[in-house]
Amino acid sequence: RSTGHEAVLSFGATGQLYTQISQGAPF
């Protein structure tokens, strides 16, 4: 509402998310 931008959220355990990031996940 404030900026007009969109944040698309993906939730998970921090360690699992980091593994995905290290494997090229589009975050």
mmCIF file of all heavy atoms, coordinates in Angstrom:
data_MODEL
# 
_entry.id   MODEL 
# 
loop_
_atom_site.group_PDB 
_atom_site.id 
_atom_site.type_symbol 
_atom_site.label_atom_id 
_atom_site.label_alt_id 
_atom_site.label_comp_id 
_atom_site.label_asym_id 
_atom_site.label_entity_id 
_atom_site.label_seq_id 
_atom_site.pdbx_PDB_ins_code 
_atom_site.Cartn_x 
_atom_site.Cartn_y 
_atom_site.Cartn_z 
_atom_site.occupancy 
_atom_site.B_iso_or_equiv 
_atom_site.pdbx_formal_charge 
_atom_site.auth_seq_id 
_atom_site.auth_comp_id 
_atom_site.auth_asym_id 
_atom_site.auth_atom_id 
_atom_site.pdbx_PDB_model_num 
ATOM 1   N N   . ARG A 1 1  ? 0.822  -1.212  0.000  1.00 0.00 ? 1  ARG A N   1 
ATOM 2   C CA  . ARG A 1 1  ? 0.000  0.000   0.000  1.00 0.00 ? 1  ARG A CA  1 
ATOM 3   C C   . ARG A 1 1  ? 0.858  1.265   0.000  1.00 0.00 ? 1  ARG A C   1 
ATOM 4   O O   . ARG A 1 1  ? 0.516  2.267   -0.620 1.00 0.00 ? 1  ARG A O   1 
ATOM 5   C CB  . ARG A 1 1  ? -0.919 0.014   1.221  1.00 0.00 ? 1  ARG A CB  1 
ATOM 6   C CG  . ARG A 1 1  ? -2.039 -1.000  1.172  1.00 0.00 ? 1  ARG A CG  1 
ATOM 7   C CD  . ARG A 1 1  ? -3.127 -0.658  2.179  1.00 0.00 ? 1  ARG A CD  1 
ATOM 8   N NE  . ARG A 1 1  ? -2.640 -0.617  3.549  1.00 0.00 ? 1  ARG A NE  1 
ATOM 9   C CZ  . ARG A 1 1  ? -2.629 -1.650  4.372  1.00 0.00 ? 1  ARG A CZ  1 
ATOM 10  N NH1 . ARG A 1 1  ? -3.068 -2.835  3.945  1.00 0.00 ? 1  ARG A NH1 1 
ATOM 11  N NH2 . ARG A 1 1  ? -2.188 -1.528  5.609  1.00 0.00 ? 1  ARG A NH2 1 
ATOM 12  N N   . SER A 1 2  ? 1.978  1.197   0.691  1.00 0.00 ? 2  SER A N   1 
ATOM 13  C CA  . SER A 1 2  ? 2.826  2.380   0.854  1.00 0.00 ? 2  SER A CA  1 
ATOM 14  C C   . SER A 1 2  ? 3.695  2.675   -0.356 1.00 0.00 ? 2  SER A C   1 
ATOM 15  O O   . SER A 1 2  ? 3.989  3.834   -0.643 1.00 0.00 ? 2  SER A O   1 
ATOM 16  C CB  . SER A 1 2  ? 3.719  2.215   2.089  1.00 0.00 ? 2  SER A CB  1 
ATOM 17  O OG  . SER A 1 2  ? 2.963  2.066   3.266  1.00 0.00 ? 2  SER A OG  1 
ATOM 18  N N   . THR A 1 3  ? 4.137  1.635   -1.049 1.00 0.00 ? 3  THR A N   1 
ATOM 19  C CA  . THR A 1 3  ? 5.125  1.819   -2.116 1.00 0.00 ? 3  THR A CA  1 
ATOM 20  C C   . THR A 1 3  ? 4.638  1.417   -3.504 1.00 0.00 ? 3  THR A C   1 
ATOM 21  O O   . THR A 1 3  ? 5.232  1.836   -4.502 1.00 0.00 ? 3  THR A O   1 
ATOM 22  C CB  . THR A 1 3  ? 6.398  1.005   -1.819 1.00 0.00 ? 3  THR A CB  1 
ATOM 23  O OG1 . THR A 1 3  ? 6.084  -0.396  -1.920 1.00 0.00 ? 3  THR A OG1 1 
ATOM 24  C CG2 . THR A 1 3  ? 6.946  1.307   -0.431 1.00 0.00 ? 3  THR A CG2 1 
ATOM 25  N N   . GLY A 1 4  ? 3.617  0.567   -3.568 1.00 0.00 ? 4  GLY A N   1 
ATOM 26  C CA  . GLY A 1 4  ? 3.185  0.048   -4.860 1.00 0.00 ? 4  GLY A CA  1 
ATOM 27  C C   . GLY A 1 4  ? 3.974  -1.169  -5.302 1.00 0.00 ? 4  GLY A C   1 
ATOM 28  O O   . GLY A 1 4  ? 3.584  -1.853  -6.241 1.00 0.00 ? 4  GLY A O   1 
ATOM 29  N N   . HIS A 1 5  ? 5.085  -1.449  -4.626 1.00 0.00 ? 5  HIS A N   1 
ATOM 30  C CA  . HIS A 1 5  ? 5.888  -2.630  -4.956 1.00 0.00 ? 5  HIS A CA  1 
ATOM 31  C C   . HIS A 1 5  ? 5.252  -3.877  -4.345 1.00 0.00 ? 5  HIS A C   1 
ATOM 32  O O   . HIS A 1 5  ? 4.490  -3.808  -3.383 1.00 0.00 ? 5  HIS A O   1 
ATOM 33  C CB  . HIS A 1 5  ? 7.307  -2.485  -4.411 1.00 0.00 ? 5  HIS A CB  1 
ATOM 34  C CG  . HIS A 1 5  ? 8.094  -1.369  -5.037 1.00 0.00 ? 5  HIS A CG  1 
ATOM 35  N ND1 . HIS A 1 5  ? 8.195  -1.199  -6.393 1.00 0.00 ? 5  HIS A ND1 1 
ATOM 36  C CD2 . HIS A 1 5  ? 8.840  -0.372  -4.463 1.00 0.00 ? 5  HIS A CD2 1 
ATOM 37  C CE1 . HIS A 1 5  ? 8.961  -0.141  -6.648 1.00 0.00 ? 5  HIS A CE1 1 
ATOM 38  N NE2 . HIS A 1 5  ? 9.356  0.376   -5.494 1.00 0.00 ? 5  HIS A NE2 1 
ATOM 39  N N   . GLU A 1 6  ? 5.643  -5.026  -4.864 1.00 0.00 ? 6  GLU A N   1 
ATOM 40  C CA  . GLU A 1 6  ? 5.141  -6.294  -4.343 1.00 0.00 ? 6  GLU A CA  1 
ATOM 41  C C   . GLU A 1 6  ? 6.291  -7.129  -3.796 1.00 0.00 ? 6  GLU A C   1 
ATOM 42  O O   . GLU A 1 6  ? 7.319  -7.315  -4.461 1.00 0.00 ? 6  GLU A O   1 
ATOM 43  C CB  . GLU A 1 6  ? 4.421  -7.089  -5.440 1.00 0.00 ? 6  GLU A CB  1 
ATOM 44  C CG  . GLU A 1 6  ? 3.840  -8.401  -4.938 1.00 0.00 ? 6  GLU A CG  1 
ATOM 45  C CD  . GLU A 1 6  ? 3.167  -9.218  -6.022 1.00 0.00 ? 6  GLU A CD  1 
ATOM 46  O OE1 . GLU A 1 6  ? 3.259  -8.814  -7.203 1.00 0.00 ? 6  GLU A OE1 1 
ATOM 47  O OE2 . GLU A 1 6  ? 2.576  -10.261 -5.704 1.00 0.00 ? 6  GLU A OE2 1 
ATOM 48  N N   . ALA A 1 7  ? 6.101  -7.633  -2.572 1.00 0.00 ? 7  ALA A N   1 
ATOM 49  C CA  . ALA A 1 7  ? 7.050  -8.577  -1.983 1.00 0.00 ? 7  ALA A CA  1 
ATOM 50  C C   . ALA A 1 7  ? 6.391  -9.950  -1.986 1.00 0.00 ? 7  ALA A C   1 
ATOM 51  O O   . ALA A 1 7  ? 5.368  -10.151 -1.328 1.00 0.00 ? 7  ALA A O   1 
ATOM 52  C CB  . ALA A 1 7  ? 7.416  -8.158  -0.563 1.00 0.00 ? 7  ALA A CB  1 
ATOM 53  N N   . VAL A 1 8  ? 6.951  -10.882 -2.728 1.00 0.00 ? 8  VAL A N   1 
ATOM 54  C CA  . VAL A 1 8  ? 6.432  -12.244 -2.793 1.00 0.00 ? 8  VAL A CA  1 
ATOM 55  C C   . VAL A 1 8  ? 7.178  -13.065 -1.746 1.00 0.00 ? 8  VAL A C   1 
ATOM 56  O O   . VAL A 1 8  ? 8.399  -13.232 -1.834 1.00 0.00 ? 8  VAL A O   1 
ATOM 57  C CB  . VAL A 1 8  ? 6.620  -12.851 -4.194 1.00 0.00 ? 8  VAL A CB  1 
ATOM 58  C CG1 . VAL A 1 8  ? 6.101  -14.286 -4.230 1.00 0.00 ? 8  VAL A CG1 1 
ATOM 59  C CG2 . VAL A 1 8  ? 5.912  -11.996 -5.237 1.00 0.00 ? 8  VAL A CG2 1 
ATOM 60  N N   . LEU A 1 9  ? 6.465  -13.559 -0.737 1.00 0.00 ? 9  LEU A N   1 
ATOM 61  C CA  . LEU A 1 9  ? 7.092  -14.195 0.411  1.00 0.00 ? 9  LEU A CA  1 
ATOM 62  C C   . LEU A 1 9  ? 7.113  -15.713 0.288  1.00 0.00 ? 9  LEU A C   1 
ATOM 63  O O   . LEU A 1 9  ? 6.120  -16.325 -0.107 1.00 0.00 ? 9  LEU A O   1 
ATOM 64  C CB  . LEU A 1 9  ? 6.351  -13.802 1.688  1.00 0.00 ? 9  LEU A CB  1 
ATOM 65  C CG  . LEU A 1 9  ? 6.113  -12.309 1.923  1.00 0.00 ? 9  LEU A CG  1 
ATOM 66  C CD1 . LEU A 1 9  ? 5.351  -12.089 3.232  1.00 0.00 ? 9  LEU A CD1 1 
ATOM 67  C CD2 . LEU A 1 9  ? 7.434  -11.542 1.941  1.00 0.00 ? 9  LEU A CD2 1 
ATOM 68  N N   . SER A 1 10 ? 8.249  -16.310 0.641  1.00 0.00 ? 10 SER A N   1 
ATOM 69  C CA  . SER A 1 10 ? 8.391  -17.766 0.728  1.00 0.00 ? 10 SER A CA  1 
ATOM 70  C C   . SER A 1 10 ? 8.914  -18.087 2.118  1.00 0.00 ? 10 SER A C   1 
ATOM 71  O O   . SER A 1 10 ? 9.919  -17.523 2.544  1.00 0.00 ? 10 SER A O   1 
ATOM 72  C CB  . SER A 1 10 ? 9.366  -18.287 -0.327 1.00 0.00 ? 10 SER A CB  1 
ATOM 73  O OG  . SER A 1 10 ? 8.895  -18.004 -1.636 1.00 0.00 ? 10 SER A OG  1 
ATOM 74  N N   . PHE A 1 11 ? 8.245  -19.004 2.827  1.00 0.00 ? 11 PHE A N   1 
ATOM 75  C CA  . PHE A 1 11 ? 8.583  -19.279 4.221  1.00 0.00 ? 11 PHE A CA  1 
ATOM 76  C C   . PHE A 1 11 ? 9.245  -20.646 4.384  1.00 0.00 ? 11 PHE A C   1 
ATOM 77  O O   . PHE A 1 11 ? 8.949  -21.582 3.641  1.00 0.00 ? 11 PHE A O   1 
ATOM 78  C CB  . PHE A 1 11 ? 7.322  -19.220 5.087  1.00 0.00 ? 11 PHE A CB  1 
ATOM 79  C CG  . PHE A 1 11 ? 6.617  -17.894 5.040  1.00 0.00 ? 11 PHE A CG  1 
ATOM 80  C CD1 . PHE A 1 11 ? 5.529  -17.697 4.224  1.00 0.00 ? 11 PHE A CD1 1 
ATOM 81  C CD2 . PHE A 1 11 ? 7.079  -16.835 5.814  1.00 0.00 ? 11 PHE A CD2 1 
ATOM 82  C CE1 . PHE A 1 11 ? 4.880  -16.469 4.172  1.00 0.00 ? 11 PHE A CE1 1 
ATOM 83  C CE2 . PHE A 1 11 ? 6.438  -15.604 5.772  1.00 0.00 ? 11 PHE A CE2 1 
ATOM 84  C CZ  . PHE A 1 11 ? 5.341  -15.424 4.946  1.00 0.00 ? 11 PHE A CZ  1 
ATOM 85  N N   . GLY A 1 12 ? 10.118 -20.756 5.385  1.00 0.00 ? 12 GLY A N   1 
ATOM 86  C CA  . GLY A 1 12 ? 10.768 -22.026 5.667  1.00 0.00 ? 12 GLY A CA  1 
ATOM 87  C C   . GLY A 1 12 ? 11.746 -21.884 6.810  1.00 0.00 ? 12 GLY A C   1 
ATOM 88  O O   . GLY A 1 12 ? 11.924 -20.801 7.377  1.00 0.00 ? 12 GLY A O   1 
ATOM 89  N N   . ALA A 1 13 ? 12.372 -22.993 7.166  1.00 0.00 ? 13 ALA A N   1 
ATOM 90  C CA  . ALA A 1 13 ? 13.423 -22.965 8.180  1.00 0.00 ? 13 ALA A CA  1 
ATOM 91  C C   . ALA A 1 13 ? 14.630 -22.222 7.629  1.00 0.00 ? 13 ALA A C   1 
ATOM 92  O O   . ALA A 1 13 ? 14.952 -22.342 6.434  1.00 0.00 ? 13 ALA A O   1 
ATOM 93  C CB  . ALA A 1 13 ? 13.815 -24.385 8.586  1.00 0.00 ? 13 ALA A CB  1 
ATOM 94  N N   . THR A 1 14 ? 15.285 -21.458 8.465  1.00 0.00 ? 14 THR A N   1 
ATOM 95  C CA  . THR A 1 14 ? 16.414 -20.636 8.027  1.00 0.00 ? 14 THR A CA  1 
ATOM 96  C C   . THR A 1 14 ? 17.490 -21.465 7.323  1.00 0.00 ? 14 THR A C   1 
ATOM 97  O O   . THR A 1 14 ? 18.000 -21.072 6.270  1.00 0.00 ? 14 THR A O   1 
ATOM 98  C CB  . THR A 1 14 ? 17.002 -19.875 9.223  1.00 0.00 ? 14 THR A CB  1 
ATOM 99  O OG1 . THR A 1 14 ? 16.066 -18.861 9.622  1.00 0.00 ? 14 THR A OG1 1 
ATOM 100 C CG2 . THR A 1 14 ? 18.328 -19.220 8.880  1.00 0.00 ? 14 THR A CG2 1 
ATOM 101 N N   . GLY A 1 15 ? 17.836 -22.610 7.894  1.00 0.00 ? 15 GLY A N   1 
ATOM 102 C CA  . GLY A 1 15 ? 18.864 -23.449 7.275  1.00 0.00 ? 15 GLY A CA  1 
ATOM 103 C C   . GLY A 1 15 ? 18.456 -23.964 5.909  1.00 0.00 ? 15 GLY A C   1 
ATOM 104 O O   . GLY A 1 15 ? 19.262 -24.004 4.977  1.00 0.00 ? 15 GLY A O   1 
ATOM 105 N N   . GLN A 1 16 ? 17.195 -24.353 5.784  1.00 0.00 ? 16 GLN A N   1 
ATOM 106 C CA  . GLN A 1 16 ? 16.695 -24.848 4.503  1.00 0.00 ? 16 GLN A CA  1 
ATOM 107 C C   . GLN A 1 16 ? 16.670 -23.731 3.459  1.00 0.00 ? 16 GLN A C   1 
ATOM 108 O O   . GLN A 1 16 ? 17.036 -23.941 2.295  1.00 0.00 ? 16 GLN A O   1 
ATOM 109 C CB  . GLN A 1 16 ? 15.293 -25.431 4.684  1.00 0.00 ? 16 GLN A CB  1 
ATOM 110 C CG  . GLN A 1 16 ? 15.268 -26.706 5.505  1.00 0.00 ? 16 GLN A CG  1 
ATOM 111 C CD  . GLN A 1 16 ? 13.856 -27.181 5.777  1.00 0.00 ? 16 GLN A CD  1 
ATOM 112 O OE1 . GLN A 1 16 ? 12.936 -26.377 5.964  1.00 0.00 ? 16 GLN A OE1 1 
ATOM 113 N NE2 . GLN A 1 16 ? 13.658 -28.484 5.804  1.00 0.00 ? 16 GLN A NE2 1 
ATOM 114 N N   . LEU A 1 17 ? 16.246 -22.551 3.880  1.00 0.00 ? 17 LEU A N   1 
ATOM 115 C CA  . LEU A 1 17 ? 16.215 -21.422 2.950  1.00 0.00 ? 17 LEU A CA  1 
ATOM 116 C C   . LEU A 1 17 ? 17.623 -21.076 2.474  1.00 0.00 ? 17 LEU A C   1 
ATOM 117 O O   . LEU A 1 17 ? 17.837 -20.783 1.297  1.00 0.00 ? 17 LEU A O   1 
ATOM 118 C CB  . LEU A 1 17 ? 15.562 -20.200 3.612  1.00 0.00 ? 17 LEU A CB  1 
ATOM 119 C CG  . LEU A 1 17 ? 14.061 -20.306 3.863  1.00 0.00 ? 17 LEU A CG  1 
ATOM 120 C CD1 . LEU A 1 17 ? 13.590 -19.127 4.702  1.00 0.00 ? 17 LEU A CD1 1 
ATOM 121 C CD2 . LEU A 1 17 ? 13.274 -20.375 2.555  1.00 0.00 ? 17 LEU A CD2 1 
ATOM 122 N N   . TYR A 1 18 ? 18.572 -21.133 3.412  1.00 0.00 ? 18 TYR A N   1 
ATOM 123 C CA  . TYR A 1 18 ? 19.953 -20.805 3.011  1.00 0.00 ? 18 TYR A CA  1 
ATOM 124 C C   . TYR A 1 18 ? 20.487 -21.823 2.006  1.00 0.00 ? 18 TYR A C   1 
ATOM 125 O O   . TYR A 1 18 ? 21.179 -21.465 1.056  1.00 0.00 ? 18 TYR A O   1 
ATOM 126 C CB  . TYR A 1 18 ? 20.880 -20.721 4.222  1.00 0.00 ? 18 TYR A CB  1 
ATOM 127 C CG  . TYR A 1 18 ? 22.242 -20.210 3.812  1.00 0.00 ? 18 TYR A CG  1 
ATOM 128 C CD1 . TYR A 1 18 ? 22.434 -18.854 3.564  1.00 0.00 ? 18 TYR A CD1 1 
ATOM 129 C CD2 . TYR A 1 18 ? 23.308 -21.073 3.594  1.00 0.00 ? 18 TYR A CD2 1 
ATOM 130 C CE1 . TYR A 1 18 ? 23.659 -18.368 3.131  1.00 0.00 ? 18 TYR A CE1 1 
ATOM 131 C CE2 . TYR A 1 18 ? 24.538 -20.603 3.157  1.00 0.00 ? 18 TYR A CE2 1 
ATOM 132 C CZ  . TYR A 1 18 ? 24.707 -19.247 2.932  1.00 0.00 ? 18 TYR A CZ  1 
ATOM 133 O OH  . TYR A 1 18 ? 25.913 -18.765 2.491  1.00 0.00 ? 18 TYR A OH  1 
ATOM 134 N N   . THR A 1 19 ? 20.148 -23.088 2.224  1.00 0.00 ? 19 THR A N   1 
ATOM 135 C CA  . THR A 1 19 ? 20.566 -24.115 1.264  1.00 0.00 ? 19 THR A CA  1 
ATOM 136 C C   . THR A 1 19 ? 19.996 -23.820 -0.117 1.00 0.00 ? 19 THR A C   1 
ATOM 137 O O   . THR A 1 19 ? 20.695 -23.925 -1.136 1.00 0.00 ? 19 THR A O   1 
ATOM 138 C CB  . THR A 1 19 ? 20.097 -25.513 1.728  1.00 0.00 ? 19 THR A CB  1 
ATOM 139 O OG1 . THR A 1 19 ? 20.751 -25.828 2.965  1.00 0.00 ? 19 THR A OG1 1 
ATOM 140 C CG2 . THR A 1 19 ? 20.440 -26.581 0.706  1.00 0.00 ? 19 THR A CG2 1 
ATOM 141 N N   . GLN A 1 20 ? 18.723 -23.406 -0.155 1.00 0.00 ? 20 GLN A N   1 
ATOM 142 C CA  . GLN A 1 20 ? 18.108 -23.067 -1.436 1.00 0.00 ? 20 GLN A CA  1 
ATOM 143 C C   . GLN A 1 20 ? 18.808 -21.876 -2.094 1.00 0.00 ? 20 GLN A C   1 
ATOM 144 O O   . GLN A 1 20 ? 19.039 -21.864 -3.307 1.00 0.00 ? 20 GLN A O   1 
ATOM 145 C CB  . GLN A 1 20 ? 16.621 -22.755 -1.228 1.00 0.00 ? 20 GLN A CB  1 
ATOM 146 C CG  . GLN A 1 20 ? 15.796 -23.963 -0.814 1.00 0.00 ? 20 GLN A CG  1 
ATOM 147 C CD  . GLN A 1 20 ? 14.373 -23.587 -0.443 1.00 0.00 ? 20 GLN A CD  1 
ATOM 148 O OE1 . GLN A 1 20 ? 13.853 -22.563 -0.865 1.00 0.00 ? 20 GLN A OE1 1 
ATOM 149 N NE2 . GLN A 1 20 ? 13.749 -24.415 0.369  1.00 0.00 ? 20 GLN A NE2 1 
ATOM 150 N N   . ILE A 1 21 ? 19.143 -20.876 -1.287 1.00 0.00 ? 21 ILE A N   1 
ATOM 151 C CA  . ILE A 1 21 ? 19.851 -19.701 -1.812 1.00 0.00 ? 21 ILE A CA  1 
ATOM 152 C C   . ILE A 1 21 ? 21.203 -20.117 -2.400 1.00 0.00 ? 21 ILE A C   1 
ATOM 153 O O   . ILE A 1 21 ? 21.584 -19.686 -3.496 1.00 0.00 ? 21 ILE A O   1 
ATOM 154 C CB  . ILE A 1 21 ? 20.030 -18.647 -0.694 1.00 0.00 ? 21 ILE A CB  1 
ATOM 155 C CG1 . ILE A 1 21 ? 18.669 -18.016 -0.346 1.00 0.00 ? 21 ILE A CG1 1 
ATOM 156 C CG2 . ILE A 1 21 ? 21.026 -17.566 -1.118 1.00 0.00 ? 21 ILE A CG2 1 
ATOM 157 C CD1 . ILE A 1 21 ? 18.675 -17.231 0.948  1.00 0.00 ? 21 ILE A CD1 1 
ATOM 158 N N   . SER A 1 22 ? 21.907 -20.972 -1.688 1.00 0.00 ? 22 SER A N   1 
ATOM 159 C CA  . SER A 1 22 ? 23.229 -21.408 -2.153 1.00 0.00 ? 22 SER A CA  1 
ATOM 160 C C   . SER A 1 22 ? 23.142 -22.257 -3.419 1.00 0.00 ? 22 SER A C   1 
ATOM 161 O O   . SER A 1 22 ? 24.119 -22.391 -4.151 1.00 0.00 ? 22 SER A O   1 
ATOM 162 C CB  . SER A 1 22 ? 23.952 -22.191 -1.049 1.00 0.00 ? 22 SER A CB  1 
ATOM 163 O OG  . SER A 1 22 ? 23.321 -23.440 -0.815 1.00 0.00 ? 22 SER A OG  1 
ATOM 164 N N   . GLN A 1 23 ? 21.949 -22.820 -3.655 1.00 0.00 ? 23 GLN A N   1 
ATOM 165 C CA  . GLN A 1 23 ? 21.751 -23.649 -4.849 1.00 0.00 ? 23 GLN A CA  1 
ATOM 166 C C   . GLN A 1 23 ? 21.106 -22.876 -5.999 1.00 0.00 ? 23 GLN A C   1 
ATOM 167 O O   . GLN A 1 23 ? 20.709 -23.458 -6.997 1.00 0.00 ? 23 GLN A O   1 
ATOM 168 C CB  . GLN A 1 23 ? 20.898 -24.867 -4.484 1.00 0.00 ? 23 GLN A CB  1 
ATOM 169 C CG  . GLN A 1 23 ? 21.616 -25.836 -3.537 1.00 0.00 ? 23 GLN A CG  1 
ATOM 170 C CD  . GLN A 1 23 ? 20.731 -26.967 -3.054 1.00 0.00 ? 23 GLN A CD  1 
ATOM 171 O OE1 . GLN A 1 23 ? 19.514 -26.936 -3.210 1.00 0.00 ? 23 GLN A OE1 1 
ATOM 172 N NE2 . GLN A 1 23 ? 21.348 -27.967 -2.447 1.00 0.00 ? 23 GLN A NE2 1 
ATOM 173 N N   . GLY A 1 24 ? 20.998 -21.542 -5.829 1.00 0.00 ? 24 GLY A N   1 
ATOM 174 C CA  . GLY A 1 24 ? 20.521 -20.709 -6.919 1.00 0.00 ? 24 GLY A CA  1 
ATOM 175 C C   . GLY A 1 24 ? 19.052 -20.358 -6.914 1.00 0.00 ? 24 GLY A C   1 
ATOM 176 O O   . GLY A 1 24 ? 18.521 -19.895 -7.934 1.00 0.00 ? 24 GLY A O   1 
ATOM 177 N N   . ALA A 1 25 ? 18.362 -20.559 -5.792 1.00 0.00 ? 25 ALA A N   1 
ATOM 178 C CA  . ALA A 1 25 ? 16.944 -20.194 -5.725 1.00 0.00 ? 25 ALA A CA  1 
ATOM 179 C C   . ALA A 1 25 ? 16.786 -18.698 -6.008 1.00 0.00 ? 25 ALA A C   1 
ATOM 180 O O   . ALA A 1 25 ? 17.611 -17.887 -5.589 1.00 0.00 ? 25 ALA A O   1 
ATOM 181 C CB  . ALA A 1 25 ? 16.377 -20.532 -4.351 1.00 0.00 ? 25 ALA A CB  1 
ATOM 182 N N   . PRO A 1 26 ? 15.722 -18.301 -6.708 1.00 0.00 ? 26 PRO A N   1 
ATOM 183 C CA  . PRO A 1 26 ? 15.581 -16.915 -7.174 1.00 0.00 ? 26 PRO A CA  1 
ATOM 184 C C   . PRO A 1 26 ? 15.059 -15.942 -6.112 1.00 0.00 ? 26 PRO A C   1 
ATOM 185 O O   . PRO A 1 26 ? 14.024 -15.306 -6.292 1.00 0.00 ? 26 PRO A O   1 
ATOM 186 C CB  . PRO A 1 26 ? 14.592 -17.061 -8.327 1.00 0.00 ? 26 PRO A CB  1 
ATOM 187 C CG  . PRO A 1 26 ? 13.721 -18.208 -7.924 1.00 0.00 ? 26 PRO A CG  1 
ATOM 188 C CD  . PRO A 1 26 ? 14.642 -19.175 -7.229 1.00 0.00 ? 26 PRO A CD  1 
ATOM 189 N N   . PHE A 1 27 ? 15.781 -15.819 -5.004 1.00 0.00 ? 27 PHE A N   1 
ATOM 190 C CA  . PHE A 1 27 ? 15.395 -14.879 -3.952 1.00 0.00 ? 27 PHE A CA  1 
ATOM 191 C C   . PHE A 1 27 ? 16.220 -13.592 -4.063 1.00 0.00 ? 27 PHE A C   1 
ATOM 192 O O   . PHE A 1 27 ? 17.400 -13.625 -4.403 1.00 0.00 ? 27 PHE A O   1 
ATOM 193 C CB  . PHE A 1 27 ? 15.610 -15.492 -2.566 1.00 0.00 ? 27 PHE A CB  1 
ATOM 194 C CG  . PHE A 1 27 ? 14.714 -16.668 -2.277 1.00 0.00 ? 27 PHE A CG  1 
ATOM 195 C CD1 . PHE A 1 27 ? 15.258 -17.888 -1.899 1.00 0.00 ? 27 PHE A CD1 1 
ATOM 196 C CD2 . PHE A 1 27 ? 13.335 -16.553 -2.375 1.00 0.00 ? 27 PHE A CD2 1 
ATOM 197 C CE1 . PHE A 1 27 ? 14.442 -18.974 -1.623 1.00 0.00 ? 27 PHE A CE1 1 
ATOM 198 C CE2 . PHE A 1 27 ? 12.510 -17.638 -2.107 1.00 0.00 ? 27 PHE A CE2 1 
ATOM 199 C CZ  . PHE A 1 27 ? 13.060 -18.852 -1.729 1.00 0.00 ? 27 PHE A CZ  1 
# 
